[in-house]
């Protein structure tokens, strides 16, 4: 993941914005965006505090010594200042950051942008105290928009992530035979394994796979606190099986969900799958520049009601994706974001196969918004209908 173009983009934003002279970034996701190094541990390990500063011409990164080599390899080289391991990492990072910023401005009272939606209150208070001569401007909304509009290098990474993950799911289901035994656990691990073989690092919390059927497929995340890892129940013929994979490649995420059966679908299943394919096609026709995210949600919802589909709409019908697996904008009833070219979304459509608590039939598709509409990327199979297992591998 190269952040060179991202840094240029932020520098251009600062030059065009007279209200700020520089930008302070502190949270894990936005640090991944500007540094090119996706260290999710920063969100939970409080003894590691990293602060990035960017102005129109200068940049630096304050981090613990143990992380310096990683950021150097990501391209920050001599722009790194470090502190030793200590109990209060926030104070240590603020101290060396504040000294650098004060020296850079040479007594001039500057104005610093910060991302209030993502900055810990304790860290913000320490920054304000250390840089008491500076004013602070919350640019959360602007920065969210910067992340929503993807650079070409980001779109290449997102395309590859979607393609490799979809290929991993398709490769895994090719190992399921109609007359052979297969369990949730074995197919879950097969998805992870084939995604790994395609070049996706699926270790630890950087990837989650699911293979679910019957009662387990009636909820989004079964078996808590097992974090969606499949159990030993076998798949049976005639049942929908949901296959999901969320993985990271070159700092950018994929978020994929597909369906399969271990036999030919019956007429009811074919009819239902056909309606879901029709709804996907309709949803894609609504996603285009100039349309508000909430209007897309309402259009999908109205269409689904007309079609008699029992939708799972608690989490909306999709979201942005990038350095995190779920980010703005959201295809929800309350998101006023106007869609734009070069946004990347995951269209997530989930419906109950029968009325009431029954299997959730979920498809997730990565979409690039183009000048006139949107384009589905990453399909290794044609997923208009569930994959049907054969009698042999």
Protein backbone atom coordinates (compact mmCIF):
# COMPACT_ATOMS: atom_id res chain seq x y z
CA UNK A 1 0.00 0.00 0.00
CA UNK A 2 1.58 3.27 -1.15
CA UNK A 3 0.44 6.48 0.56
CA UNK A 4 2.42 8.89 -1.61
CA UNK A 5 -0.65 9.96 -3.58
CA UNK A 6 -2.72 10.21 -0.40
CA UNK A 7 -0.18 12.58 1.17
CA UNK A 8 -0.26 14.73 -1.98
CA UNK A 9 -4.06 14.73 -1.85
CA UNK A 10 -4.09 15.90 1.76
CA UNK A 11 -1.44 18.56 1.07
CA UNK A 12 -3.60 19.86 -1.77
CA UNK A 13 -6.59 19.97 0.61
CA UNK A 14 -4.60 21.96 3.18
CA UNK A 15 -3.38 24.45 0.56
CA UNK A 16 -6.96 25.01 -0.63
CA UNK A 17 -8.34 25.43 2.88
CA UNK A 18 -7.49 28.81 4.45
CA UNK A 19 -8.88 27.75 7.84
CA UNK A 20 -6.06 25.29 8.63
CA UNK A 21 -2.27 25.33 8.42
CA UNK A 22 -1.72 21.69 9.19
CA UNK A 23 -3.46 18.44 10.09
CA UNK A 24 -3.01 16.17 13.12
CA UNK A 25 -4.04 12.51 12.71
CA UNK A 26 -4.12 10.06 15.59
CA UNK A 27 -6.53 7.10 15.10
CA UNK A 28 -5.66 3.72 13.59
CA UNK A 29 -7.83 3.86 10.46
CA UNK A 30 -6.83 7.36 9.37
CA UNK A 31 -3.18 6.63 10.18
CA UNK A 32 -3.43 3.62 7.87
CA UNK A 33 -4.84 5.89 5.19
CA UNK A 34 -2.06 8.51 5.35
CA UNK A 35 0.92 6.30 6.21
CA UNK A 36 0.29 3.28 4.00
CA UNK A 37 0.72 0.93 6.98
CA UNK A 38 -2.45 -0.68 8.34
CA UNK A 39 -1.65 -1.40 12.01
CA UNK A 40 -5.03 -2.27 13.49
CA UNK A 41 -3.44 -2.98 16.85
CA UNK A 42 -3.20 0.77 17.39
CA UNK A 43 -6.94 0.82 18.05
CA UNK A 44 -6.59 -1.35 21.15
CA UNK A 45 -2.99 -1.19 22.39
CA UNK A 46 -2.83 2.02 24.40
CA UNK A 47 0.91 1.71 25.06
CA UNK A 48 1.42 2.53 21.37
CA UNK A 49 0.43 6.07 20.42
CA UNK A 50 1.18 7.34 16.92
CA UNK A 51 0.63 10.92 15.77
CA UNK A 52 0.98 12.04 12.17
CA UNK A 53 1.27 15.70 11.19
CA UNK A 54 0.93 17.04 7.66
CA UNK A 55 1.10 20.58 6.33
CA UNK A 56 1.15 21.74 2.74
CA UNK A 57 4.94 21.24 2.62
CA UNK A 58 5.99 19.21 5.68
CA UNK A 59 5.10 15.93 7.33
CA UNK A 60 6.31 13.91 10.28
CA UNK A 61 5.30 10.89 12.30
CA UNK A 62 5.73 10.43 16.06
CA UNK A 63 5.74 6.79 17.14
CA UNK A 64 7.30 4.41 19.68
CA UNK A 65 10.79 3.20 18.72
CA UNK A 66 9.49 -0.35 18.25
CA UNK A 67 7.35 0.77 15.28
CA UNK A 68 9.92 3.04 13.60
CA UNK A 69 11.30 0.38 11.24
CA UNK A 70 7.81 -0.56 10.04
CA UNK A 71 6.99 3.05 9.16
CA UNK A 72 10.39 3.51 7.51
CA UNK A 73 9.63 0.52 5.29
CA UNK A 74 6.30 2.16 4.45
CA UNK A 75 8.20 5.18 3.05
CA UNK A 76 8.41 7.66 5.92
CA UNK A 77 12.20 7.35 6.27
CA UNK A 78 13.68 10.49 7.92
CA UNK A 79 10.23 11.95 8.70
CA UNK A 80 9.96 9.86 11.88
CA UNK A 81 10.55 11.00 15.45
CA UNK A 82 10.41 8.40 18.21
CA UNK A 83 9.90 8.00 21.93
CA UNK A 84 10.87 5.17 24.26
CA UNK A 85 8.38 2.70 25.69
CA UNK A 86 6.61 4.21 28.70
CA UNK A 87 3.45 4.01 30.79
CA UNK A 88 1.85 7.16 29.32
CA UNK A 89 2.38 6.82 25.57
CA UNK A 90 -0.11 9.59 24.78
CA UNK A 91 1.85 12.17 26.76
CA UNK A 92 5.15 11.05 25.25
CA UNK A 93 3.80 11.27 21.69
CA UNK A 94 2.20 14.66 22.37
CA UNK A 95 5.40 16.03 23.90
CA UNK A 96 7.63 15.29 20.91
CA UNK A 97 4.89 16.16 18.41
CA UNK A 98 4.19 19.48 20.11
CA UNK A 99 7.86 20.41 20.11
CA UNK A 100 8.15 19.68 16.39
CA UNK A 101 4.99 21.63 15.49
CA UNK A 102 5.99 24.63 17.64
CA UNK A 103 9.42 24.74 16.02
CA UNK A 104 7.89 24.43 12.55
CA UNK A 105 5.64 27.45 13.06
CA UNK A 106 8.35 29.51 14.86
CA UNK A 107 6.07 31.36 17.23
CA UNK A 108 3.27 31.94 14.72
CA UNK A 109 -0.16 31.01 16.06
CA UNK A 110 -1.25 28.40 13.59
CA UNK A 111 -4.56 26.66 13.07
CA UNK A 112 -4.53 22.86 13.20
CA UNK A 113 -7.13 20.58 11.74
CA UNK A 114 -8.06 17.46 13.67
CA UNK A 115 -10.57 14.64 13.16
CA UNK A 116 -12.79 14.96 16.21
CA UNK A 117 -15.00 11.99 15.34
CA UNK A 118 -11.95 9.73 15.64
CA UNK A 119 -9.74 11.35 18.28
CA UNK A 120 -9.74 10.21 21.91
CA UNK A 121 -10.80 13.01 24.23
CA UNK A 122 -7.80 12.50 26.52
CA UNK A 123 -5.40 12.80 23.61
CA UNK A 124 -7.16 15.90 22.29
CA UNK A 125 -6.97 17.61 25.67
CA UNK A 126 -3.22 16.89 25.90
CA UNK A 127 -2.64 18.31 22.42
CA UNK A 128 -4.59 21.49 23.25
CA UNK A 129 -2.66 21.92 26.49
CA UNK A 130 0.72 21.40 24.79
CA UNK A 131 -0.13 23.64 21.82
CA UNK A 132 -2.11 26.27 23.72
CA UNK A 133 -1.12 29.03 21.28
CA UNK A 134 -2.73 27.17 18.39
CA UNK A 135 -6.38 26.99 17.41
CA UNK A 136 -7.99 23.65 16.52
CA UNK A 137 -10.57 23.07 13.77
CA UNK A 138 -12.60 19.86 13.54
CA UNK A 139 -12.46 18.65 9.92
CA UNK A 140 -14.14 15.28 10.45
CA UNK A 141 -16.64 15.74 7.62
CA UNK A 142 -14.03 16.95 5.13
CA UNK A 143 -11.65 14.12 5.94
CA UNK A 144 -14.42 11.55 5.62
CA UNK A 145 -15.07 12.89 2.12
CA UNK A 146 -11.36 12.70 1.26
CA UNK A 147 -11.39 9.01 2.15
CA UNK A 148 -14.62 8.35 0.26
CA UNK A 149 -13.16 9.47 -3.09
CA UNK A 150 -10.60 6.82 -3.95
CA UNK A 151 -7.31 7.41 -5.73
CA UNK A 152 -6.39 5.11 -8.66
CA UNK A 153 -3.86 3.23 -6.51
CA UNK A 154 -6.58 2.61 -3.91
CA UNK A 155 -9.02 1.35 -6.52
CA UNK A 156 -6.43 -1.08 -7.85
CA UNK A 157 -5.91 -2.47 -4.36
CA UNK A 158 -9.66 -2.71 -3.75
CA UNK A 159 -10.19 -4.44 -7.10
CA UNK A 160 -7.53 -7.04 -6.35
CA UNK A 161 -8.86 -7.59 -2.84
CA UNK A 162 -12.38 -8.19 -4.20
CA UNK A 163 -11.15 -10.46 -7.00
CA UNK A 164 -8.88 -12.58 -4.80
CA UNK A 165 -11.51 -13.01 -2.10
CA UNK A 166 -14.23 -13.97 -4.57
CA UNK A 167 -11.85 -16.42 -6.22
CA UNK A 168 -11.10 -17.88 -2.79
CA UNK A 169 -14.79 -18.53 -2.10
CA UNK A 170 -15.31 -20.00 -5.59
CA UNK A 171 -12.24 -22.24 -5.20
CA UNK A 172 -13.44 -23.50 -1.82
CA UNK A 173 -16.91 -24.49 -3.02
CA UNK A 174 -15.40 -26.43 -5.92
CA UNK A 175 -14.20 -28.86 -3.25
CA UNK A 176 -17.74 -29.62 -2.10
CA UNK A 177 -19.38 -32.63 -3.74
CA UNK A 178 -23.09 -33.26 -3.64
CA UNK A 179 -22.82 -36.72 -2.12
CA UNK A 180 -19.91 -36.02 0.23
CA UNK A 181 -19.90 -34.86 3.84
CA UNK A 182 -18.90 -31.30 4.61
CA UNK A 183 -19.16 -29.29 7.82
CA UNK A 184 -19.39 -25.60 8.56
CA UNK A 185 -15.94 -25.73 10.10
CA UNK A 186 -14.28 -27.50 7.16
CA UNK A 187 -15.80 -25.18 4.56
CA UNK A 188 -15.03 -22.10 6.64
CA UNK A 189 -11.38 -23.10 6.77
CA UNK A 190 -11.41 -24.01 3.07
CA UNK A 191 -12.52 -20.46 2.25
CA UNK A 192 -9.73 -19.00 4.38
CA UNK A 193 -7.16 -21.38 2.89
CA UNK A 194 -8.05 -20.66 -0.73
CA UNK A 195 -8.14 -16.93 -0.09
CA UNK A 196 -4.69 -17.23 1.48
CA UNK A 197 -3.43 -19.14 -1.55
CA UNK A 198 -4.58 -16.25 -3.72
CA UNK A 199 -2.25 -13.90 -1.85
CA UNK A 200 -4.50 -12.48 0.87
CA UNK A 201 -2.97 -12.38 4.39
CA UNK A 202 -5.78 -14.00 6.38
CA UNK A 203 -4.06 -14.29 9.76
CA UNK A 204 -5.68 -13.28 13.01
CA UNK A 205 -8.22 -10.50 13.09
CA UNK A 206 -7.33 -9.44 9.56
CA UNK A 207 -9.81 -11.92 8.09
CA UNK A 208 -13.04 -13.64 9.05
CA UNK A 209 -14.73 -16.42 7.10
CA UNK A 210 -18.15 -18.01 7.54
CA UNK A 211 -19.91 -21.04 6.05
CA UNK A 212 -23.44 -21.29 7.46
CA UNK A 213 -26.70 -23.12 6.86
CA UNK A 214 -30.13 -23.71 8.46
CA UNK A 215 -30.48 -22.21 11.97
CA UNK A 216 -26.94 -20.81 11.93
CA UNK A 217 -27.73 -18.85 8.77
CA UNK A 218 -30.69 -17.16 10.48
CA UNK A 219 -28.39 -14.63 12.19
CA UNK A 220 -25.53 -12.47 10.95
CA UNK A 221 -22.94 -13.66 13.46
CA UNK A 222 -23.67 -17.10 14.95
CA UNK A 223 -21.84 -18.89 17.74
CA UNK A 224 -20.76 -15.84 19.73
CA UNK A 225 -18.22 -15.72 21.29
CA UNK A 226 -16.65 -17.97 18.64
CA UNK A 227 -16.45 -15.03 16.20
CA UNK A 228 -18.29 -16.78 13.36
CA UNK A 229 -15.92 -19.74 13.16
CA UNK A 230 -17.92 -22.66 11.78
CA UNK A 231 -18.94 -25.61 13.94
CA UNK A 232 -19.16 -29.32 13.16
CA UNK A 233 -22.71 -29.47 11.77
CA UNK A 234 -22.85 -31.04 8.30
CA UNK A 235 -24.43 -29.47 5.25
CA UNK A 236 -27.42 -31.26 3.78
CA UNK A 237 -28.86 -31.27 0.30
CA UNK A 238 -31.64 -28.86 -0.46
CA UNK A 239 -30.48 -26.13 1.95
CA UNK A 240 -29.08 -22.69 1.18
CA UNK A 241 -25.48 -22.30 2.41
CA UNK A 242 -24.07 -18.82 3.01
CA UNK A 243 -20.36 -18.22 2.38
CA UNK A 244 -18.64 -15.07 3.63
CA UNK A 245 -15.12 -13.74 3.65
CA UNK A 246 -13.64 -10.45 4.82
CA UNK A 247 -9.92 -10.01 4.13
CA UNK A 248 -7.15 -7.45 3.73
CA UNK A 249 -4.73 -6.98 0.83
CA UNK A 250 -2.16 -4.19 0.47
CA UNK A 251 -3.91 -2.28 3.26
CA UNK A 252 -7.37 -2.41 1.66
CA UNK A 253 -10.31 -4.64 2.51
CA UNK A 254 -12.70 -6.97 0.74
CA UNK A 255 -16.13 -7.89 2.11
CA UNK A 256 -17.79 -10.74 0.21
CA UNK A 257 -20.86 -12.96 0.66
CA UNK A 258 -22.07 -15.70 -1.71
CA UNK A 259 -24.62 -18.54 -1.70
CA UNK A 260 -24.54 -22.22 -2.67
CA UNK A 261 -26.59 -25.42 -2.44
CA UNK A 262 -25.52 -29.06 -2.38
CA UNK A 263 -28.19 -30.07 -4.86
CA UNK A 264 -30.45 -28.67 -7.53
CA UNK A 265 -32.63 -25.88 -6.21
CA UNK A 266 -36.33 -26.56 -5.93
CA UNK A 267 -38.81 -24.27 -7.68
CA UNK A 268 -39.33 -22.13 -4.57
CA UNK A 269 -35.59 -21.60 -4.13
CA UNK A 270 -35.10 -20.75 -7.80
CA UNK A 271 -37.92 -18.22 -7.64
CA UNK A 272 -36.47 -16.63 -4.51
CA UNK A 273 -32.90 -16.53 -5.90
CA UNK A 274 -34.24 -14.99 -9.10
CA UNK A 275 -35.93 -12.22 -7.14
CA UNK A 276 -32.70 -11.50 -5.27
CA UNK A 277 -30.81 -11.27 -8.57
CA UNK A 278 -33.48 -8.91 -9.87
CA UNK A 279 -33.20 -6.77 -6.74
CA UNK A 280 -29.40 -6.58 -7.14
CA UNK A 281 -29.82 -5.41 -10.73
CA UNK A 282 -32.35 -2.78 -9.62
CA UNK A 283 -30.12 -1.61 -6.76
CA UNK A 284 -27.16 -1.17 -9.12
CA UNK A 285 -29.35 0.93 -11.42
CA UNK A 286 -29.97 3.33 -8.51
CA UNK A 287 -26.32 3.77 -7.50
CA UNK A 288 -24.82 6.60 -9.51
CA UNK A 289 -23.30 10.06 -9.06
CA UNK A 290 -25.62 12.77 -7.78
CA UNK A 291 -27.94 10.45 -5.85
CA UNK A 292 -28.17 10.58 -2.05
CA UNK A 293 -27.30 7.39 -0.19
CA UNK A 294 -30.60 7.49 1.72
CA UNK A 295 -32.54 7.75 -1.56
CA UNK A 296 -30.84 4.58 -2.79
CA UNK A 297 -31.85 2.88 0.47
CA UNK A 298 -35.46 4.00 0.11
CA UNK A 299 -35.63 2.91 -3.53
CA UNK A 300 -34.27 -0.57 -2.68
CA UNK A 301 -36.65 -0.85 0.25
CA UNK A 302 -39.67 0.11 -1.85
CA UNK A 303 -38.70 -2.32 -4.61
CA UNK A 304 -38.16 -5.16 -2.11
CA UNK A 305 -41.63 -4.58 -0.61
CA UNK A 306 -43.17 -4.65 -4.09
CA UNK A 307 -41.38 -7.96 -4.74
CA UNK A 308 -42.56 -9.46 -1.45
CA UNK A 309 -39.06 -9.88 -0.05
CA UNK A 310 -38.57 -9.96 3.72
CA UNK A 311 -35.38 -7.88 3.90
CA UNK A 312 -32.89 -7.69 6.75
CA UNK A 313 -32.46 -3.93 6.77
CA UNK A 314 -31.20 -3.27 10.31
CA UNK A 315 -27.74 -2.36 8.97
CA UNK A 316 -28.84 -0.77 5.72
CA UNK A 317 -28.09 -2.06 2.25
CA UNK A 318 -24.41 -1.34 1.96
CA UNK A 319 -21.49 0.87 2.90
CA UNK A 320 -18.17 2.22 1.78
CA UNK A 321 -14.98 0.17 1.97
CA UNK A 322 -11.30 1.06 2.03
CA UNK A 323 -8.67 0.89 4.77
CA UNK A 324 -11.48 -0.39 6.99
CA UNK A 325 -13.98 -3.08 5.96
CA UNK A 326 -16.93 -0.78 6.64
CA UNK A 327 -16.84 3.01 6.30
CA UNK A 328 -18.86 5.96 5.00
CA UNK A 329 -21.04 6.41 3.08
CA UNK A 330 -23.79 4.05 4.28
CA UNK A 331 -26.75 2.98 2.17
CA UNK A 332 -29.12 3.69 5.03
CA UNK A 333 -32.23 5.72 5.77
CA UNK A 334 -30.30 8.51 7.49
CA UNK A 335 -27.20 9.04 5.33
CA UNK A 336 -27.43 12.27 3.31
CA UNK A 337 -24.15 11.67 1.46
CA UNK A 338 -24.38 12.45 -2.24
CA UNK A 339 -22.72 9.64 -4.19
CA UNK A 340 -19.81 10.60 -6.44
CA UNK A 341 -17.60 9.09 -9.09
CA UNK A 342 -14.69 7.02 -7.68
CA UNK A 343 -16.49 6.10 -4.49
CA UNK A 344 -16.30 2.37 -3.74
CA UNK A 345 -19.22 0.62 -2.05
CA UNK A 346 -20.20 -2.82 -0.88
CA UNK A 347 -23.81 -3.46 -1.86
CA UNK A 348 -25.16 -5.76 0.86
CA UNK A 349 -28.58 -7.30 0.24
CA UNK A 350 -29.97 -9.76 2.76
CA UNK A 351 -33.42 -11.32 2.87
CA UNK A 352 -35.19 -14.10 4.77
CA UNK A 353 -35.88 -17.11 2.59
CA UNK A 354 -39.23 -17.52 4.33
CA UNK A 355 -41.20 -15.13 6.53
CA UNK A 356 -40.05 -15.09 10.13
CA UNK A 357 -36.74 -16.28 11.51
CA UNK A 358 -35.23 -18.34 8.70
CA UNK A 359 -32.03 -18.44 6.67
CA UNK A 360 -30.58 -15.08 5.68
CA UNK A 361 -29.77 -15.13 1.98
CA UNK A 362 -27.02 -12.49 1.71
CA UNK A 363 -25.05 -11.25 -1.27
CA UNK A 364 -22.31 -8.64 -1.03
CA UNK A 365 -20.84 -7.04 -4.14
CA UNK A 366 -18.04 -4.49 -4.45
CA UNK A 367 -19.07 -1.60 -6.69
CA UNK A 368 -17.04 1.15 -8.34
CA UNK A 369 -19.12 4.27 -8.96
CA UNK A 370 -18.46 5.49 -12.51
CA UNK A 371 -19.41 8.68 -14.36
CA UNK A 372 -22.85 7.36 -15.28
CA UNK A 373 -23.61 4.60 -12.79
CA UNK A 374 -21.72 1.79 -11.09
CA UNK A 375 -19.81 -1.35 -11.99
CA UNK A 376 -19.72 -4.65 -10.10
CA UNK A 377 -16.14 -5.92 -9.71
CA UNK A 378 -14.55 -9.09 -8.38
CA UNK A 379 -16.93 -11.75 -9.70
CA UNK A 380 -15.07 -15.01 -10.35
CA UNK A 381 -18.36 -16.91 -10.82
CA UNK A 382 -21.70 -15.64 -12.06
CA UNK A 383 -23.46 -15.22 -8.72
CA UNK A 384 -26.95 -14.39 -10.00
CA UNK A 385 -27.89 -17.81 -8.65
CA UNK A 386 -26.24 -19.88 -5.90
CA UNK A 387 -23.38 -22.18 -6.84
CA UNK A 388 -24.63 -25.76 -7.26
CA UNK A 389 -22.33 -28.55 -6.08
CA UNK A 390 -21.58 -31.42 -8.48
CA UNK A 391 -21.33 -35.15 -7.68
CA UNK A 392 -17.53 -35.01 -7.90
CA UNK A 393 -14.90 -32.44 -6.99
